[in-house]
Amino acid sequence: MRFSTRPIRILSLLLLLAVANIYVFANGALVSSAKGASEAGSSKVLLGKLITTSNRPVIVNGGEAITGTVILSGAQVQTSAASVATVQLDNVGSVTIAPSSSVSLAFDEKNVTVKVASGNATLTTVEGVKGVVLDANGNPMVPTPSAPAGGNTAKNWGIAGVAVGSAAFIWAIIAWNRANDARDKAAAAAAANAALAAQLAALRTCLSGQTSTSLCKSF
């Protein structure tokens, strides 16, 4: 009894193709997994560092936070009227939050977005990093011109005017004292000259009236 070998050969060929496909699929899955793990490892989570003025606490995500607190993307930061907060992002930039402000932060290694619900905030980024400050409606905020340190321009000019006026007043007092001294010295000199003149006149009178028997003894 003979059996045909052709169906066996066909079956063996199909089995070989199936094994080859399984190997290729498994190998591709391993490569994809390795690539994904590598990308995940290279994409590190960016952490921000909070710095506050005089270590005064601010509100981060509803709780008090001080200098050194770690800030994650998505955080909401609120400052009081007496505090300024700065969030430093290493090799990315920094966000400075003005007093009485409420902002939310979103950032990664290439982008920084600051949304200001109230108050004001400024953003600086390094080269190659995109940054934007948005208002409560999502519109880009126009940077506010910086005022001189210590207050607004009018206030500083007023302080400068007071300082100049005070200096002028002091110099006026010094000049007045000097004038009084000069006047006193002039009066004293005039009095001395008058006394000397009177003595000389008396001496002349005495000398003109003296005789051999009556000598001038007033001097």
C-alpha atoms as a PDB file:
ATOM      1  CA  MET A   1       0.000   0.000   0.000  1.00  0.00           C
ATOM      2  CA  ARG A   2       1.481   3.334  -1.091  1.00  0.00           C
ATOM      3  CA  PHE A   3       1.003   6.745   0.493  1.00  0.00           C
ATOM      4  CA  SER A   4       1.561   9.998  -1.453  1.00  0.00           C
ATOM      5  CA  THR A   5       4.348  12.182   0.011  1.00  0.00           C
ATOM      6  CA  ARG A   6       3.098  15.403  -1.610  1.00  0.00           C
ATOM      7  CA  PRO A   7       0.502  16.307   1.119  1.00  0.00           C
ATOM      8  CA  ILE A   8       3.186  15.679   3.776  1.00  0.00           C
ATOM      9  CA  ARG A   9       5.593  18.020   2.017  1.00  0.00           C
ATOM     10  CA  ILE A  10       2.918  20.688   1.722  1.00  0.00           C
ATOM     11  CA  LEU A  11       2.044  20.327   5.401  1.00  0.00           C
ATOM     12  CA  SER A  12       5.717  20.577   6.406  1.00  0.00           C
ATOM     13  CA  LEU A  13       6.128  23.740   4.301  1.00  0.00           C
ATOM     14  CA  LEU A  14       3.086  25.374   5.905  1.00  0.00           C
ATOM     15  CA  LEU A  15       4.355  24.451   9.361  1.00  0.00           C
ATOM     16  CA  LEU A  16       7.752  26.003   8.584  1.00  0.00           C
ATOM     17  CA  LEU A  17       6.103  29.226   7.390  1.00  0.00           C
ATOM     18  CA  ALA A  18       3.997  29.410  10.542  1.00  0.00           C
ATOM     19  CA  VAL A  19       7.056  29.018  12.766  1.00  0.00           C
ATOM     20  CA  ALA A  20       8.903  31.700  10.782  1.00  0.00           C
ATOM     21  CA  ASN A  21       5.985  34.124  11.125  1.00  0.00           C
ATOM     22  CA  ILE A  22       5.768  33.524  14.871  1.00  0.00           C
ATOM     23  CA  TYR A  23       9.508  34.210  15.207  1.00  0.00           C
ATOM     24  CA  VAL A  24       9.323  37.429  13.212  1.00  0.00           C
ATOM     25  CA  PHE A  25       6.298  38.668  15.161  1.00  0.00           C
ATOM     26  CA  ALA A  26       7.871  37.851  18.504  1.00  0.00           C
ATOM     27  CA  ASN A  27      11.125  39.513  17.499  1.00  0.00           C
ATOM     28  CA  GLY A  28       9.259  42.647  16.358  1.00  0.00           C
ATOM     29  CA  ALA A  29       7.334  42.785  19.617  1.00  0.00           C
ATOM     30  CA  LEU A  30      10.552  42.540  21.603  1.00  0.00           C
ATOM     31  CA  VAL A  31      12.173  45.319  19.582  1.00  0.00           C
ATOM     32  CA  SER A  32       9.122  47.558  20.024  1.00  0.00           C
ATOM     33  CA  SER A  33       9.044  46.880  23.753  1.00  0.00           C
ATOM     34  CA  ALA A  34      12.732  47.656  24.092  1.00  0.00           C
ATOM     35  CA  LYS A  35      12.341  50.862  22.079  1.00  0.00           C
ATOM     36  CA  GLY A  36       9.374  51.970  24.185  1.00  0.00           C
ATOM     37  CA  ALA A  37      11.266  51.273  27.395  1.00  0.00           C
ATOM     38  CA  SER A  38      14.232  53.224  26.099  1.00  0.00           C
ATOM     39  CA  GLU A  39      12.065  56.200  25.172  1.00  0.00           C
ATOM     40  CA  ALA A  40      10.326  56.083  28.532  1.00  0.00           C
ATOM     41  CA  GLY A  41      13.659  56.014  30.306  1.00  0.00           C
ATOM     42  CA  SER A  42      15.018  58.973  28.319  1.00  0.00           C
ATOM     43  CA  SER A  43      11.869  61.070  28.954  1.00  0.00           C
ATOM     44  CA  LYS A  44      12.367  62.200  32.537  1.00  0.00           C
ATOM     45  CA  VAL A  45       9.739  63.998  34.570  1.00  0.00           C
ATOM     46  CA  LEU A  46      10.682  67.679  34.927  1.00  0.00           C
ATOM     47  CA  LEU A  47      10.545  68.944  38.503  1.00  0.00           C
ATOM     48  CA  GLY A  48      10.299  72.577  39.542  1.00  0.00           C
ATOM     49  CA  LYS A  49      11.674  74.102  42.742  1.00  0.00           C
ATOM     50  CA  LEU A  50       9.738  76.727  44.714  1.00  0.00           C
ATOM     51  CA  ILE A  51      11.495  79.786  46.155  1.00  0.00           C
ATOM     52  CA  THR A  52       9.563  82.368  48.212  1.00  0.00           C
ATOM     53  CA  THR A  53      10.576  85.768  49.576  1.00  0.00           C
ATOM     54  CA  SER A  54      11.880  85.528  53.146  1.00  0.00           C
ATOM     55  CA  ASN A  55      10.630  81.917  53.104  1.00  0.00           C
ATOM     56  CA  ARG A  56       7.053  83.130  53.492  1.00  0.00           C
ATOM     57  CA  PRO A  57       4.584  80.315  52.731  1.00  0.00           C
ATOM     58  CA  VAL A  58       2.453  80.356  49.605  1.00  0.00           C
ATOM     59  CA  ILE A  59      -0.435  78.117  48.589  1.00  0.00           C
ATOM     60  CA  VAL A  60       0.350  75.229  46.213  1.00  0.00           C
ATOM     61  CA  ASN A  61      -2.586  73.013  45.209  1.00  0.00           C
ATOM     62  CA  GLY A  62      -4.542  74.207  48.237  1.00  0.00           C
ATOM     63  CA  GLY A  63      -1.818  73.641  50.858  1.00  0.00           C
ATOM     64  CA  GLU A  64       0.929  75.813  52.330  1.00  0.00           C
ATOM     65  CA  ALA A  65       4.381  75.481  50.778  1.00  0.00           C
ATOM     66  CA  ILE A  66       7.747  77.101  51.458  1.00  0.00           C
ATOM     67  CA  THR A  67      11.100  77.379  49.742  1.00  0.00           C
ATOM     68  CA  GLY A  68      12.345  74.020  48.494  1.00  0.00           C
ATOM     69  CA  THR A  69       8.936  72.534  47.733  1.00  0.00           C
ATOM     70  CA  VAL A  70       8.886  70.401  44.569  1.00  0.00           C
ATOM     71  CA  ILE A  71       6.521  71.746  41.919  1.00  0.00           C
ATOM     72  CA  LEU A  72       5.047  69.388  39.285  1.00  0.00           C
ATOM     73  CA  SER A  73       3.456  70.299  35.994  1.00  0.00           C
ATOM     74  CA  GLY A  74      -0.204  71.146  36.529  1.00  0.00           C
ATOM     75  CA  ALA A  75       0.380  72.795  39.912  1.00  0.00           C
ATOM     76  CA  GLN A  76      -1.638  75.822  41.013  1.00  0.00           C
ATOM     77  CA  VAL A  77       0.249  78.485  42.970  1.00  0.00           C
ATOM     78  CA  GLN A  78      -1.288  81.356  44.956  1.00  0.00           C
ATOM     79  CA  THR A  79       0.659  84.192  46.603  1.00  0.00           C
ATOM     80  CA  SER A  80      -0.404  86.572  49.354  1.00  0.00           C
ATOM     81  CA  ALA A  81      -0.095  90.355  49.272  1.00  0.00           C
ATOM     82  CA  ALA A  82       3.273  90.137  51.045  1.00  0.00           C
ATOM     83  CA  SER A  83       4.915  87.294  49.124  1.00  0.00           C
ATOM     84  CA  VAL A  84       6.577  86.699  45.779  1.00  0.00           C
ATOM     85  CA  ALA A  85       7.136  83.162  44.509  1.00  0.00           C
ATOM     86  CA  THR A  86       9.595  81.857  41.921  1.00  0.00           C
ATOM     87  CA  VAL A  87       9.450  78.402  40.357  1.00  0.00           C
ATOM     88  CA  GLN A  88      12.827  77.357  38.965  1.00  0.00           C
ATOM     89  CA  LEU A  89      12.903  74.798  36.164  1.00  0.00           C
ATOM     90  CA  ASP A  90      16.426  73.439  35.681  1.00  0.00           C
ATOM     91  CA  ASN A  91      17.773  73.964  32.162  1.00  0.00           C
ATOM     92  CA  VAL A  92      14.325  75.209  31.077  1.00  0.00           C
ATOM     93  CA  GLY A  93      13.564  78.571  32.704  1.00  0.00           C
ATOM     94  CA  SER A  94      11.831  80.181  35.664  1.00  0.00           C
ATOM     95  CA  VAL A  95       8.433  81.637  36.552  1.00  0.00           C
ATOM     96  CA  THR A  96       8.096  84.622  38.895  1.00  0.00           C
ATOM     97  CA  ILE A  97       4.666  85.107  40.475  1.00  0.00           C
ATOM     98  CA  ALA A  98       3.729  88.576  41.738  1.00  0.00           C
ATOM     99  CA  PRO A  99       2.001  89.220  45.091  1.00  0.00           C
ATOM    100  CA  SER A 100      -1.742  88.579  45.286  1.00  0.00           C
ATOM    101  CA  SER A 101      -1.661  86.291  42.257  1.00  0.00           C
ATOM    102  CA  SER A 102      -3.078  82.907  41.315  1.00  0.00           C
ATOM    103  CA  VAL A 103      -1.498  80.938  38.452  1.00  0.00           C
ATOM    104  CA  SER A 104      -1.377  77.420  37.066  1.00  0.00           C
ATOM    105  CA  LEU A 105       1.753  75.921  35.524  1.00  0.00           C
ATOM    106  CA  ALA A 106       2.203  73.378  32.760  1.00  0.00           C
ATOM    107  CA  PHE A 107       5.705  72.492  31.616  1.00  0.00           C
ATOM    108  CA  ASP A 108       8.013  69.933  30.119  1.00  0.00           C
ATOM    109  CA  GLU A 109      11.528  70.063  28.698  1.00  0.00           C
ATOM    110  CA  LYS A 110      10.435  71.972  25.575  1.00  0.00           C
ATOM    111  CA  ASN A 111       7.381  74.030  26.582  1.00  0.00           C
ATOM    112  CA  VAL A 112       6.248  76.164  29.524  1.00  0.00           C
ATOM    113  CA  THR A 113       2.726  77.557  29.857  1.00  0.00           C
ATOM    114  CA  VAL A 114       1.696  79.892  32.665  1.00  0.00           C
ATOM    115  CA  LYS A 115      -2.006  80.678  33.006  1.00  0.00           C
ATOM    116  CA  VAL A 116      -2.765  83.662  35.240  1.00  0.00           C
ATOM    117  CA  ALA A 117      -6.184  83.537  36.886  1.00  0.00           C
ATOM    118  CA  SER A 118      -5.515  86.758  38.795  1.00  0.00           C
ATOM    119  CA  GLY A 119      -2.557  89.026  39.438  1.00  0.00           C
ATOM    120  CA  ASN A 120       0.541  88.810  37.306  1.00  0.00           C
ATOM    121  CA  ALA A 121       3.469  86.537  36.461  1.00  0.00           C
ATOM    122  CA  THR A 122       6.580  86.681  34.303  1.00  0.00           C
ATOM    123  CA  LEU A 123       8.326  83.874  32.461  1.00  0.00           C
ATOM    124  CA  THR A 124      11.894  83.449  31.261  1.00  0.00           C
ATOM    125  CA  THR A 125      13.069  80.455  29.239  1.00  0.00           C
ATOM    126  CA  VAL A 126      16.379  79.244  27.893  1.00  0.00           C
ATOM    127  CA  GLU A 127      17.098  79.067  24.185  1.00  0.00           C
ATOM    128  CA  GLY A 128      15.116  76.357  22.445  1.00  0.00           C
ATOM    129  CA  VAL A 129      12.269  76.302  24.979  1.00  0.00           C
ATOM    130  CA  LYS A 130       8.910  77.818  24.071  1.00  0.00           C
ATOM    131  CA  GLY A 131       7.083  79.745  26.772  1.00  0.00           C
ATOM    132  CA  VAL A 132       3.826  81.688  27.000  1.00  0.00           C
ATOM    133  CA  VAL A 133       1.908  83.540  29.719  1.00  0.00           C
ATOM    134  CA  LEU A 134      -1.875  83.475  29.306  1.00  0.00           C
ATOM    135  CA  ASP A 135      -4.604  85.427  31.028  1.00  0.00           C
ATOM    136  CA  ALA A 136      -7.742  83.924  32.528  1.00  0.00           C
ATOM    137  CA  ASN A 137      -9.376  83.838  29.079  1.00  0.00           C
ATOM    138  CA  GLY A 138      -6.439  82.024  27.493  1.00  0.00           C
ATOM    139  CA  ASN A 139      -5.097  85.073  25.649  1.00  0.00           C
ATOM    140  CA  PRO A 140      -1.369  85.895  25.667  1.00  0.00           C
ATOM    141  CA  MET A 141      -0.599  88.571  28.218  1.00  0.00           C
ATOM    142  CA  VAL A 142       1.325  91.685  27.204  1.00  0.00           C
ATOM    143  CA  PRO A 143       4.395  92.102  29.439  1.00  0.00           C
ATOM    144  CA  THR A 144       4.003  94.979  31.888  1.00  0.00           C
ATOM    145  CA  PRO A 145       6.891  97.491  31.771  1.00  0.00           C
ATOM    146  CA  SER A 146       8.995  97.061  34.856  1.00  0.00           C
ATOM    147  CA  ALA A 147       8.773  99.881  37.407  1.00  0.00           C
ATOM    148  CA  PRO A 148      11.764 101.102  39.426  1.00  0.00           C
ATOM    149  CA  ALA A 149      12.431  98.938  42.459  1.00  0.00           C
ATOM    150  CA  GLY A 150      10.563  99.949  45.585  1.00  0.00           C
ATOM    151  CA  GLY A 151       7.355 101.263  44.009  1.00  0.00           C
ATOM    152  CA  ASN A 152       5.883 103.073  41.053  1.00  0.00           C
ATOM    153  CA  THR A 153       7.528 105.862  39.121  1.00  0.00           C
ATOM    154  CA  ALA A 154       5.524 108.704  40.647  1.00  0.00           C
ATOM    155  CA  LYS A 155       6.283 107.509  44.149  1.00  0.00           C
ATOM    156  CA  ASN A 156       9.984 107.233  43.422  1.00  0.00           C
ATOM    157  CA  TRP A 157      10.067 110.697  41.863  1.00  0.00           C
ATOM    158  CA  GLY A 158       8.303 112.022  44.939  1.00  0.00           C
ATOM    159  CA  ILE A 159      10.900 110.418  47.197  1.00  0.00           C
ATOM    160  CA  ALA A 160      13.662 111.845  45.034  1.00  0.00           C
ATOM    161  CA  GLY A 161      12.041 115.298  45.231  1.00  0.00           C
ATOM    162  CA  VAL A 162      11.837 115.093  49.010  1.00  0.00           C
ATOM    163  CA  ALA A 163      15.498 114.057  49.171  1.00  0.00           C
ATOM    164  CA  VAL A 164      16.573 116.928  46.922  1.00  0.00           C
ATOM    165  CA  GLY A 165      14.406 119.380  48.842  1.00  0.00           C
ATOM    166  CA  SER A 166      15.843 118.179  52.141  1.00  0.00           C
ATOM    167  CA  ALA A 167      19.372 118.584  50.841  1.00  0.00           C
ATOM    168  CA  ALA A 168      18.585 122.098  49.608  1.00  0.00           C
ATOM    169  CA  PHE A 169      17.069 122.970  52.978  1.00  0.00           C
ATOM    170  CA  ILE A 170      20.168 121.743  54.801  1.00  0.00           C
ATOM    171  CA  TRP A 171      22.432 123.762  52.524  1.00  0.00           C
ATOM    172  CA  ALA A 172      20.223 126.819  53.112  1.00  0.00           C
ATOM    173  CA  ILE A 173      20.624 126.419  56.868  1.00  0.00           C
ATOM    174  CA  ILE A 174      24.393 126.091  56.493  1.00  0.00           C
ATOM    175  CA  ALA A 175      24.506 129.213  54.298  1.00  0.00           C
ATOM    176  CA  TRP A 176      22.320 131.121  56.753  1.00  0.00           C
ATOM    177  CA  ASN A 177      24.595 130.163  59.653  1.00  0.00           C
ATOM    178  CA  ARG A 178      27.620 131.235  57.678  1.00  0.00           C
ATOM    179  CA  ALA A 179      25.959 134.537  56.833  1.00  0.00           C
ATOM    180  CA  ASN A 180      25.138 135.093  60.499  1.00  0.00           C
ATOM    181  CA  ASP A 181      28.708 134.283  61.465  1.00  0.00           C
ATOM    182  CA  ALA A 182      30.027 136.717  58.868  1.00  0.00           C
ATOM    183  CA  ARG A 183      27.587 139.401  60.056  1.00  0.00           C
ATOM    184  CA  ASP A 184      28.561 138.835  63.669  1.00  0.00           C
ATOM    185  CA  LYS A 185      32.234 139.005  62.783  1.00  0.00           C
ATOM    186  CA  ALA A 186      31.669 142.203  60.781  1.00  0.00           C
ATOM    187  CA  ALA A 187      29.743 143.749  63.679  1.00  0.00           C
ATOM    188  CA  ALA A 188      32.473 142.766  66.128  1.00  0.00           C
ATOM    189  CA  ALA A 189      35.136 144.229  63.853  1.00  0.00           C
ATOM    190  CA  ALA A 190      33.156 147.453  63.473  1.00  0.00           C
ATOM    191  CA  ALA A 191      32.719 147.720  67.234  1.00  0.00           C
ATOM    192  CA  ALA A 192      36.429 147.145  67.772  1.00  0.00           C
ATOM    193  CA  ASN A 193      37.287 149.790  65.171  1.00  0.00           C
ATOM    194  CA  ALA A 194      34.887 152.250  66.783  1.00  0.00           C
ATOM    195  CA  ALA A 195      36.370 151.639  70.236  1.00  0.00           C
ATOM    196  CA  LEU A 196      39.884 152.088  68.858  1.00  0.00           C
ATOM    197  CA  ALA A 197      38.864 155.307  67.117  1.00  0.00           C
ATOM    198  CA  ALA A 198      37.329 156.628  70.331  1.00  0.00           C
ATOM    199  CA  GLN A 199      40.472 155.828  72.282  1.00  0.00           C
ATOM    200  CA  LEU A 200      42.623 157.554  69.648  1.00  0.00           C
ATOM    201  CA  ALA A 201      40.365 160.615  69.752  1.00  0.00           C
ATOM    202  CA  ALA A 202      40.543 160.736  73.530  1.00  0.00           C
ATOM    203  CA  LEU A 203      44.313 160.384  73.369  1.00  0.00           C
ATOM    204  CA  ARG A 204      44.596 163.269  70.924  1.00  0.00           C
ATOM    205  CA  THR A 205      42.383 165.432  73.123  1.00  0.00           C
ATOM    206  CA  CYS A 206      44.420 164.553  76.160  1.00  0.00           C
ATOM    207  CA  LEU A 207      47.721 165.237  74.423  1.00  0.00           C
ATOM    208  CA  SER A 208      46.572 168.532  73.017  1.00  0.00           C
ATOM    209  CA  GLY A 209      45.471 169.823  76.450  1.00  0.00           C
ATOM    210  CA  GLN A 210      48.363 168.679  78.574  1.00  0.00           C
ATOM    211  CA  THR A 211      50.984 171.129  80.006  1.00  0.00           C
ATOM    212  CA  SER A 212      54.303 170.725  81.688  1.00  0.00           C
ATOM    213  CA  THR A 213      52.576 170.695  85.042  1.00  0.00           C
ATOM    214  CA  SER A 214      49.531 168.660  83.978  1.00  0.00           C
ATOM    215  CA  LEU A 215      50.365 165.435  82.205  1.00  0.00           C
ATOM    216  CA  CYS A 216      47.843 163.280  80.402  1.00  0.00           C
ATOM    217  CA  LYS A 217      47.294 160.287  82.686  1.00  0.00           C
ATOM    218  CA  SER A 218      44.291 158.752  81.043  1.00  0.00           C
ATOM    219  CA  PHE A 219      46.460 156.251  79.125  1.00  0.00           C
END
